[in-house]
Amino acid sequence: MNKIKRYFYSIGSKFDWKTATEKEKQIRHKYFDRQRRRFDKKCQSQQRLRELFVVPIGRLRKPLPMEWEPQCGLGDYVSYYPKCPRCGEMPYSMSECIFCGQRMIETEQPKGFQGG
């Protein structure tokens, strides 16, 4: 175990920024910056994998009709939002899903229901 990890295990989660010395603050900042950079690299690699392989393969599939998911509104009003027929996520585009690349045929959005 390196010095920085040992140091953070010794101070635990009760770190007070007001009473900490400048050296302690610098060590803490370095540790958090390293963790943030590691997390950013992981996110970038996942995004790149999706851009290179998953989405282009999804674009090769036949287009499917878009599905609509009901969502409760205020009172008795029900609104609908689009849903990808393949992965079930909100596609954020009416032509293709940004997550799986599935192309979609636009269908008419169902009208909201107002009970009375």
N, C-alpha and C. Protein backbone atom coordinates (compact mmCIF):
# COMPACT_ATOMS: atom_id res chain seq x y z
N MET A 1 0.86 -1.18 0.00
CA MET A 1 0.00 0.00 0.00
C MET A 1 0.90 1.24 0.00
N ASN A 2 0.63 2.16 -0.91
CA ASN A 2 1.51 3.32 -0.99
C ASN A 2 1.20 4.35 0.11
N LYS A 3 2.05 5.36 0.20
CA LYS A 3 1.94 6.34 1.29
C LYS A 3 0.63 7.09 1.27
N ILE A 4 0.18 7.47 0.09
CA ILE A 4 -1.05 8.28 0.02
C ILE A 4 -2.25 7.49 0.50
N LYS A 5 -2.36 6.22 0.06
CA LYS A 5 -3.49 5.42 0.50
C LYS A 5 -3.46 5.19 2.01
N ARG A 6 -2.26 4.91 2.54
CA ARG A 6 -2.14 4.74 3.98
C ARG A 6 -2.57 6.00 4.71
N TYR A 7 -2.17 7.14 4.18
CA TYR A 7 -2.50 8.41 4.80
C TYR A 7 -4.02 8.62 4.83
N PHE A 8 -4.69 8.30 3.71
CA PHE A 8 -6.13 8.51 3.68
C PHE A 8 -6.89 7.49 4.52
N TYR A 9 -6.36 6.28 4.65
CA TYR A 9 -7.00 5.33 5.54
C TYR A 9 -6.85 5.80 6.99
N SER A 10 -5.74 6.45 7.30
CA SER A 10 -5.54 6.89 8.68
C SER A 10 -6.46 8.05 9.04
N ILE A 11 -6.72 8.98 8.09
CA ILE A 11 -7.58 10.10 8.44
C ILE A 11 -9.05 9.76 8.26
N GLY A 12 -9.34 8.71 7.50
CA GLY A 12 -10.72 8.27 7.34
C GLY A 12 -11.56 9.27 6.57
N SER A 13 -12.86 9.21 6.80
CA SER A 13 -13.77 10.08 6.06
C SER A 13 -14.00 11.41 6.77
N LYS A 14 -13.44 11.56 7.96
CA LYS A 14 -13.63 12.80 8.72
C LYS A 14 -12.50 13.77 8.42
N PHE A 15 -12.52 14.31 7.22
CA PHE A 15 -11.49 15.25 6.81
C PHE A 15 -12.07 16.65 6.89
N ASP A 16 -11.42 17.51 7.66
CA ASP A 16 -11.90 18.88 7.84
C ASP A 16 -11.00 19.81 7.05
N TRP A 17 -11.56 20.43 6.03
CA TRP A 17 -10.78 21.32 5.17
C TRP A 17 -10.34 22.58 5.91
N LYS A 18 -11.10 22.99 6.89
CA LYS A 18 -10.78 24.24 7.61
C LYS A 18 -9.54 24.10 8.48
N THR A 19 -9.37 22.95 9.11
CA THR A 19 -8.24 22.76 10.02
C THR A 19 -7.06 22.04 9.38
N ALA A 20 -7.21 21.60 8.14
CA ALA A 20 -6.15 20.85 7.47
C ALA A 20 -5.01 21.79 7.06
N THR A 21 -3.81 21.24 7.07
CA THR A 21 -2.65 22.02 6.63
C THR A 21 -2.62 22.04 5.11
N GLU A 22 -1.78 22.88 4.56
CA GLU A 22 -1.67 22.98 3.10
C GLU A 22 -1.17 21.68 2.49
N LYS A 23 -0.25 21.01 3.17
CA LYS A 23 0.28 19.74 2.66
C LYS A 23 -0.83 18.68 2.61
N GLU A 24 -1.65 18.62 3.65
CA GLU A 24 -2.76 17.67 3.67
C GLU A 24 -3.76 17.97 2.54
N LYS A 25 -4.02 19.25 2.32
CA LYS A 25 -4.94 19.63 1.25
C LYS A 25 -4.38 19.26 -0.12
N GLN A 26 -3.08 19.47 -0.33
CA GLN A 26 -2.46 19.12 -1.60
C GLN A 26 -2.53 17.62 -1.86
N ILE A 27 -2.26 16.83 -0.83
CA ILE A 27 -2.33 15.37 -0.96
C ILE A 27 -3.75 14.94 -1.30
N ARG A 28 -4.71 15.55 -0.62
CA ARG A 28 -6.12 15.22 -0.86
C ARG A 28 -6.53 15.59 -2.29
N HIS A 29 -6.10 16.77 -2.76
CA HIS A 29 -6.42 17.20 -4.12
C HIS A 29 -5.79 16.28 -5.16
N LYS A 30 -4.54 15.87 -4.95
CA LYS A 30 -3.88 14.96 -5.89
C LYS A 30 -4.62 13.63 -5.97
N TYR A 31 -5.04 13.15 -4.81
CA TYR A 31 -5.75 11.87 -4.77
C TYR A 31 -7.07 11.96 -5.54
N PHE A 32 -7.84 13.01 -5.29
CA PHE A 32 -9.12 13.16 -5.98
C PHE A 32 -8.94 13.41 -7.47
N ASP A 33 -7.91 14.16 -7.85
CA ASP A 33 -7.64 14.39 -9.27
C ASP A 33 -7.29 13.08 -9.97
N ARG A 34 -6.51 12.25 -9.33
CA ARG A 34 -6.15 10.96 -9.91
C ARG A 34 -7.40 10.09 -10.08
N GLN A 35 -8.26 10.09 -9.07
CA GLN A 35 -9.49 9.30 -9.16
C GLN A 35 -10.39 9.82 -10.29
N ARG A 36 -10.48 11.15 -10.41
CA ARG A 36 -11.31 11.74 -11.45
C ARG A 36 -10.77 11.42 -12.84
N ARG A 37 -9.45 11.50 -13.03
CA ARG A 37 -8.85 11.17 -14.31
C ARG A 37 -9.07 9.70 -14.67
N ARG A 38 -8.94 8.83 -13.69
CA ARG A 38 -9.17 7.40 -13.92
C ARG A 38 -10.61 7.15 -14.36
N PHE A 39 -11.55 7.83 -13.69
CA PHE A 39 -12.97 7.68 -14.04
C PHE A 39 -13.24 8.24 -15.44
N ASP A 40 -12.64 9.39 -15.77
CA ASP A 40 -12.83 10.00 -17.10
C ASP A 40 -12.30 9.09 -18.20
N LYS A 41 -11.14 8.46 -17.98
CA LYS A 41 -10.59 7.54 -18.98
C LYS A 41 -11.52 6.35 -19.20
N LYS A 42 -12.10 5.85 -18.11
CA LYS A 42 -13.00 4.72 -18.21
C LYS A 42 -14.25 5.11 -19.02
N CYS A 43 -14.79 6.29 -18.74
CA CYS A 43 -15.97 6.76 -19.47
C CYS A 43 -15.66 6.98 -20.95
N GLN A 44 -14.49 7.55 -21.23
CA GLN A 44 -14.11 7.80 -22.62
C GLN A 44 -13.93 6.49 -23.38
N SER A 45 -13.36 5.49 -22.73
CA SER A 45 -13.15 4.21 -23.42
C SER A 45 -14.49 3.53 -23.70
N GLN A 46 -15.45 3.64 -22.77
CA GLN A 46 -16.77 3.06 -23.01
C GLN A 46 -17.49 3.78 -24.13
N GLN A 47 -17.37 5.11 -24.17
CA GLN A 47 -17.99 5.89 -25.22
C GLN A 47 -17.38 5.54 -26.58
N ARG A 48 -16.06 5.39 -26.61
CA ARG A 48 -15.37 5.05 -27.86
C ARG A 48 -15.77 3.67 -28.35
N LEU A 49 -15.90 2.71 -27.43
CA LEU A 49 -16.35 1.36 -27.79
C LEU A 49 -17.74 1.42 -28.42
N ARG A 50 -18.61 2.21 -27.82
CA ARG A 50 -19.97 2.35 -28.35
C ARG A 50 -19.94 2.98 -29.74
N GLU A 51 -19.09 4.00 -29.93
CA GLU A 51 -19.01 4.67 -31.24
C GLU A 51 -18.46 3.75 -32.32
N LEU A 52 -17.46 2.92 -31.97
CA LEU A 52 -16.79 2.09 -32.97
C LEU A 52 -17.56 0.83 -33.35
N PHE A 53 -18.19 0.18 -32.37
CA PHE A 53 -18.74 -1.14 -32.63
C PHE A 53 -20.25 -1.23 -32.47
N VAL A 54 -20.78 -0.80 -31.36
CA VAL A 54 -22.18 -1.06 -31.05
C VAL A 54 -23.12 -0.28 -31.97
N VAL A 55 -22.92 1.03 -32.09
CA VAL A 55 -23.83 1.85 -32.88
C VAL A 55 -23.76 1.54 -34.38
N PRO A 56 -22.56 1.39 -35.00
CA PRO A 56 -22.55 1.04 -36.42
C PRO A 56 -23.20 -0.31 -36.72
N ILE A 57 -23.04 -1.28 -35.85
CA ILE A 57 -23.68 -2.59 -36.06
C ILE A 57 -25.18 -2.43 -35.96
N GLY A 58 -25.65 -1.60 -35.04
CA GLY A 58 -27.08 -1.36 -34.90
C GLY A 58 -27.67 -0.69 -36.12
N ARG A 59 -26.88 0.12 -36.82
CA ARG A 59 -27.37 0.81 -38.01
C ARG A 59 -27.62 -0.16 -39.16
N LEU A 60 -27.02 -1.34 -39.10
CA LEU A 60 -27.20 -2.32 -40.17
C LEU A 60 -28.51 -3.09 -40.06
N ARG A 61 -29.16 -3.02 -38.91
CA ARG A 61 -30.42 -3.74 -38.71
C ARG A 61 -31.55 -3.07 -39.49
N LYS A 62 -32.61 -3.83 -39.74
CA LYS A 62 -33.78 -3.26 -40.41
C LYS A 62 -34.47 -2.27 -39.48
N PRO A 63 -35.02 -1.19 -40.03
CA PRO A 63 -35.72 -0.22 -39.19
C PRO A 63 -36.98 -0.83 -38.58
N LEU A 64 -37.23 -0.47 -37.34
CA LEU A 64 -38.42 -0.94 -36.63
C LEU A 64 -39.30 0.26 -36.30
N PRO A 65 -40.62 0.04 -36.15
CA PRO A 65 -41.48 1.15 -35.77
C PRO A 65 -41.19 1.60 -34.34
N MET A 66 -41.21 2.90 -34.14
CA MET A 66 -40.92 3.46 -32.81
C MET A 66 -42.03 3.11 -31.84
N GLU A 67 -41.65 2.81 -30.61
CA GLU A 67 -42.63 2.54 -29.56
C GLU A 67 -42.80 3.78 -28.70
N TRP A 68 -43.94 3.89 -28.07
CA TRP A 68 -44.23 5.03 -27.21
C TRP A 68 -44.55 4.53 -25.81
N GLU A 69 -43.94 5.11 -24.82
CA GLU A 69 -44.11 4.71 -23.42
C GLU A 69 -44.98 5.74 -22.71
N PRO A 70 -46.06 5.31 -22.04
CA PRO A 70 -46.90 6.29 -21.33
C PRO A 70 -46.19 6.82 -20.08
N GLN A 71 -46.46 8.07 -19.80
CA GLN A 71 -45.89 8.71 -18.62
C GLN A 71 -46.99 9.56 -17.99
N CYS A 72 -47.19 9.40 -16.72
CA CYS A 72 -48.25 10.15 -16.05
C CYS A 72 -47.90 11.62 -15.98
N GLY A 73 -48.89 12.45 -16.24
CA GLY A 73 -48.71 13.89 -16.16
C GLY A 73 -49.45 14.45 -14.96
N LEU A 74 -49.76 15.71 -15.04
CA LEU A 74 -50.51 16.35 -13.96
C LEU A 74 -51.97 15.95 -14.05
N GLY A 75 -52.55 15.62 -12.93
CA GLY A 75 -53.95 15.23 -12.91
C GLY A 75 -54.17 13.92 -13.62
N ASP A 76 -55.15 13.89 -14.51
CA ASP A 76 -55.46 12.67 -15.25
C ASP A 76 -54.79 12.64 -16.62
N TYR A 77 -53.96 13.61 -16.92
CA TYR A 77 -53.34 13.68 -18.24
C TYR A 77 -52.18 12.69 -18.34
N VAL A 78 -52.14 11.96 -19.43
CA VAL A 78 -51.05 11.00 -19.67
C VAL A 78 -50.30 11.45 -20.93
N SER A 79 -48.99 11.62 -20.80
CA SER A 79 -48.19 11.97 -21.97
C SER A 79 -47.36 10.75 -22.38
N TYR A 80 -46.81 10.79 -23.59
CA TYR A 80 -46.04 9.67 -24.10
C TYR A 80 -44.66 10.14 -24.52
N TYR A 81 -43.66 9.33 -24.31
CA TYR A 81 -42.31 9.64 -24.79
C TYR A 81 -41.80 8.46 -25.60
N PRO A 82 -40.91 8.73 -26.59
CA PRO A 82 -40.44 7.64 -27.46
C PRO A 82 -39.56 6.64 -26.71
N LYS A 83 -39.60 5.41 -27.19
CA LYS A 83 -38.82 4.34 -26.58
C LYS A 83 -38.24 3.49 -27.71
N CYS A 84 -36.96 3.16 -27.61
CA CYS A 84 -36.31 2.33 -28.63
C CYS A 84 -36.89 0.92 -28.56
N PRO A 85 -37.30 0.35 -29.70
CA PRO A 85 -37.87 -0.99 -29.68
C PRO A 85 -36.85 -2.08 -29.36
N ARG A 86 -35.56 -1.79 -29.51
CA ARG A 86 -34.55 -2.82 -29.27
C ARG A 86 -34.00 -2.79 -27.85
N CYS A 87 -33.51 -1.61 -27.42
CA CYS A 87 -32.86 -1.56 -26.10
C CYS A 87 -33.77 -1.00 -25.00
N GLY A 88 -34.88 -0.37 -25.37
CA GLY A 88 -35.83 0.12 -24.37
C GLY A 88 -35.47 1.47 -23.78
N GLU A 89 -34.41 2.11 -24.25
CA GLU A 89 -34.01 3.43 -23.75
C GLU A 89 -34.70 4.52 -24.57
N MET A 90 -34.69 5.73 -24.01
CA MET A 90 -35.20 6.87 -24.77
C MET A 90 -34.16 7.21 -25.85
N PRO A 91 -34.53 7.23 -27.14
CA PRO A 91 -33.52 7.33 -28.20
C PRO A 91 -32.93 8.74 -28.40
N TYR A 92 -33.58 9.79 -27.92
CA TYR A 92 -33.12 11.18 -28.07
C TYR A 92 -33.01 11.60 -29.53
N SER A 93 -33.55 10.83 -30.44
CA SER A 93 -33.59 11.17 -31.85
C SER A 93 -34.76 10.41 -32.45
N MET A 94 -35.41 11.01 -33.42
CA MET A 94 -36.57 10.34 -34.02
C MET A 94 -36.15 9.38 -35.15
N SER A 95 -34.89 9.45 -35.58
CA SER A 95 -34.47 8.59 -36.68
C SER A 95 -33.71 7.35 -36.23
N GLU A 96 -32.86 7.48 -35.18
CA GLU A 96 -32.12 6.31 -34.70
C GLU A 96 -31.79 6.49 -33.21
N CYS A 97 -31.57 5.37 -32.54
CA CYS A 97 -31.22 5.37 -31.12
C CYS A 97 -29.73 5.68 -30.97
N ILE A 98 -29.39 6.58 -30.07
CA ILE A 98 -27.98 6.92 -29.89
C ILE A 98 -27.25 5.86 -29.07
N PHE A 99 -27.96 4.97 -28.41
CA PHE A 99 -27.32 3.96 -27.57
C PHE A 99 -27.00 2.68 -28.33
N CYS A 100 -27.96 2.17 -29.13
CA CYS A 100 -27.73 0.89 -29.83
C CYS A 100 -27.66 1.06 -31.34
N GLY A 101 -28.00 2.23 -31.88
CA GLY A 101 -27.90 2.48 -33.31
C GLY A 101 -29.09 1.98 -34.12
N GLN A 102 -30.11 1.45 -33.45
CA GLN A 102 -31.28 0.93 -34.15
C GLN A 102 -32.00 2.06 -34.89
N ARG A 103 -32.21 1.85 -36.22
CA ARG A 103 -32.97 2.83 -36.99
C ARG A 103 -34.46 2.62 -36.73
N MET A 104 -35.21 3.71 -36.77
CA MET A 104 -36.63 3.62 -36.45
C MET A 104 -37.49 4.29 -37.51
N ILE A 105 -38.68 3.75 -37.68
CA ILE A 105 -39.69 4.35 -38.54
C ILE A 105 -40.58 5.18 -37.62
N GLU A 106 -40.74 6.43 -37.97
CA GLU A 106 -41.54 7.30 -37.11
C GLU A 106 -43.01 6.88 -37.18
N THR A 107 -43.60 6.74 -36.01
CA THR A 107 -45.03 6.45 -35.92
C THR A 107 -45.70 7.64 -35.25
N GLU A 108 -46.98 7.73 -35.42
CA GLU A 108 -47.70 8.86 -34.85
C GLU A 108 -47.76 8.73 -33.33
N GLN A 109 -47.51 9.84 -32.66
CA GLN A 109 -47.53 9.84 -31.20
C GLN A 109 -48.98 9.72 -30.73
N PRO A 110 -49.25 8.82 -29.77
CA PRO A 110 -50.62 8.71 -29.25
C PRO A 110 -51.02 10.00 -28.55
N LYS A 111 -52.29 10.31 -28.62
CA LYS A 111 -52.80 11.51 -27.97
C LYS A 111 -52.89 11.27 -26.46
N GLY A 112 -52.67 12.33 -25.69
CA GLY A 112 -52.77 12.23 -24.23
C GLY A 112 -54.21 11.99 -23.81
N PHE A 113 -54.39 11.25 -22.74
CA PHE A 113 -55.71 10.94 -22.23
C PHE A 113 -56.06 11.87 -21.09
N GLN A 114 -57.22 12.47 -21.17
CA GLN A 114 -57.69 13.30 -20.07
C GLN A 114 -58.97 12.67 -19.53
N GLY A 115 -58.88 12.17 -18.33
CA GLY A 115 -60.05 11.57 -17.70
C GLY A 115 -61.02 12.64 -17.22
N GLY A 116 -62.19 12.26 -16.95
CA GLY A 116 -63.11 13.31 -16.57
C GLY A 116 -64.12 12.83 -15.70
